[in-house]
Protein backbone atom coordinates (compact mmCIF):
# COMPACT_ATOMS: atom_id res chain seq x y z
CA MET A 1 18.80 -15.61 -11.15
CA GLU A 2 17.91 -18.78 -12.97
CA ARG A 3 15.11 -18.77 -15.53
CA LYS A 4 13.08 -21.27 -13.48
CA GLN A 5 13.42 -19.15 -10.35
CA ALA A 6 12.15 -16.08 -12.22
CA LYS A 7 9.20 -18.06 -13.59
CA PHE A 8 8.51 -19.42 -10.09
CA CYS A 9 8.34 -15.83 -8.77
CA LEU A 10 5.86 -14.78 -11.45
CA GLU A 11 3.69 -17.84 -10.90
CA PHE A 12 3.81 -17.44 -7.13
CA LEU A 13 2.63 -13.83 -7.37
CA ARG A 14 -0.06 -14.82 -9.84
CA THR A 15 -1.48 -17.74 -7.87
CA GLY A 16 -0.25 -17.31 -4.31
CA ASN A 17 0.40 -21.07 -4.24
CA ALA A 18 4.09 -21.94 -3.87
CA THR A 19 3.66 -25.63 -4.70
CA ALA A 20 1.72 -24.92 -7.89
CA ALA A 21 4.18 -22.17 -8.83
CA TYR A 22 7.08 -24.56 -8.33
CA LYS A 23 5.57 -27.08 -10.74
CA ALA A 24 4.49 -24.40 -13.26
CA ALA A 25 8.02 -23.02 -13.32
CA GLY A 26 9.21 -26.27 -14.86
CA TYR A 27 10.61 -28.10 -11.86
CA ALA A 28 9.88 -31.84 -11.84
CA PRO A 29 9.30 -32.94 -8.24
CA ARG A 30 8.67 -36.60 -7.36
CA SER A 31 5.48 -35.73 -5.48
CA ASP A 32 3.33 -32.84 -4.28
CA ALA A 33 4.94 -33.15 -0.85
CA ALA A 34 8.41 -32.84 -2.38
CA ALA A 35 7.23 -29.85 -4.44
CA ALA A 36 5.92 -28.16 -1.30
CA VAL A 37 9.23 -28.66 0.50
CA CYS A 38 11.29 -27.42 -2.45
CA ALA A 39 8.97 -24.44 -3.00
CA SER A 40 9.27 -23.50 0.66
CA ARG A 41 13.04 -23.71 0.42
CA LEU A 42 12.98 -21.61 -2.75
CA LEU A 43 10.88 -18.93 -1.04
CA ARG A 44 13.64 -18.54 1.56
CA ASN A 45 16.28 -17.96 -1.12
CA ASP A 46 17.66 -14.39 -0.94
CA ASN A 47 17.65 -13.92 -4.71
CA VAL A 48 14.05 -15.10 -4.93
CA GLN A 49 13.01 -12.80 -2.06
CA GLU A 50 14.67 -9.81 -3.77
CA HIS A 51 13.03 -10.65 -7.09
CA LEU A 52 9.61 -11.07 -5.46
CA ALA A 53 10.01 -7.69 -3.71
CA LYS A 54 10.91 -6.02 -7.02
CA LEU A 55 7.98 -7.64 -8.81
CA ARG A 56 5.57 -6.58 -6.03
CA LYS A 57 6.87 -3.00 -6.20
CA ASP A 58 6.46 -2.94 -9.98
CA LEU A 59 2.99 -4.43 -9.65
CA ASP A 60 1.99 -1.80 -7.10
CA LYS A 61 3.12 0.93 -9.49
CA GLU A 62 0.86 -0.46 -12.21
CA ILE A 63 -2.17 -1.14 -10.03
CA ILE A 64 -2.16 1.51 -7.29
CA ALA A 65 -2.57 5.16 -8.22
CA ASP A 66 -0.02 7.28 -6.41
CA ALA A 67 -0.78 10.74 -5.00
CA PHE A 68 0.37 12.51 -8.18
CA GLU A 69 -1.89 10.41 -10.40
CA ARG A 70 -4.86 10.97 -8.07
CA ARG A 71 -4.25 14.72 -8.17
CA VAL A 72 -4.09 14.66 -11.97
CA LYS A 73 -7.40 12.74 -12.19
CA LEU A 74 -9.15 15.00 -9.69
CA THR A 75 -7.88 18.08 -11.50
CA ALA A 76 -9.20 16.68 -14.79
CA ILE A 77 -12.61 16.19 -13.15
CA LEU A 78 -12.78 19.74 -11.87
CA ARG A 79 -11.69 21.22 -15.21
CA ASP A 80 -14.09 19.17 -17.32
CA LYS A 81 -16.98 21.50 -18.22
CA GLU A 82 -19.32 18.55 -18.78
CA ASN A 83 -19.15 17.41 -15.13
CA SER A 84 -21.84 18.45 -12.72
CA VAL A 85 -21.24 21.16 -10.15
CA SER A 86 -21.51 18.47 -7.48
CA ASP A 87 -18.73 16.37 -9.03
CA ILE A 88 -16.51 19.43 -9.46
CA THR A 89 -17.13 20.48 -5.86
CA LYS A 90 -16.29 16.99 -4.60
CA ALA A 91 -13.04 16.97 -6.60
CA ILE A 92 -12.07 20.36 -5.16
CA ASP A 93 -12.94 19.19 -1.65
CA ILE A 94 -10.83 16.04 -2.00
CA LEU A 95 -7.88 18.00 -3.40
CA ASN A 96 -8.13 20.48 -0.53
CA ARG A 97 -8.11 17.63 1.98
CA MET A 98 -5.11 16.01 0.26
CA ASP A 99 -3.23 19.30 0.55
CA ALA A 100 -4.37 19.84 4.19
CA LEU A 101 -5.92 23.21 3.35
CA TYR A 102 -8.72 22.90 5.85
CA ILE A 103 -8.25 24.01 9.43
CA GLN A 104 -9.69 21.59 11.91
CA LYS A 105 -10.97 23.24 15.03
CA ASN A 106 -11.64 21.33 18.22
CA GLU A 107 -13.09 22.82 21.36
CA LEU A 108 -12.28 21.38 24.74
CA SER A 109 -14.36 21.94 27.81
CA GLY A 110 -13.94 20.83 31.37
CA ALA A 111 -16.45 19.33 33.74
CA ASN A 112 -20.01 20.70 33.47
CA GLY A 113 -19.09 22.80 30.43
CA GLN A 114 -16.55 24.89 32.33
CA PRO A 115 -13.31 25.94 30.64
CA ALA A 116 -10.72 23.19 30.48
CA THR A 117 -7.71 23.57 32.73
CA PHE A 118 -4.30 22.07 32.24
CA ASN A 119 -1.66 21.58 34.91
CA PHE A 120 1.94 21.20 33.83
CA CYS A 121 4.77 20.12 36.09
CA TRP A 122 8.29 20.95 35.00
CA SER A 123 11.35 19.37 36.51
CA ASP A 124 14.99 20.17 35.93
CA LYS A 125 16.04 16.82 37.38
CA GLY A 126 15.40 14.89 34.17
CA GLU A 127 12.58 12.90 35.74
């Protein structure tokens, strides 16, 4: 990948404006319209698309806390003796939900509160 293409990718992710990114990367278009056309063409380039995808993935890793990091933070909250009982309880509750430790019960009832009935039809004909 060319240096200008890499800079274009960084600028495009930073600003979200392909035309501005094209100019900031060091390209010298004759006009804004020409810059827009060239930037659009550059965005369709396979190497640029791959580099943008890699940069977005790396950015997500830095910005978005994954499940492991969230578990670590919640565990730190529940183990910190200075936190309130309410905060500790909330952290435990969230961790339990993340680990699907709660059993969710749903009751079904039929018409007028009567027991629900289910009718199943089985066919060996593949219908």
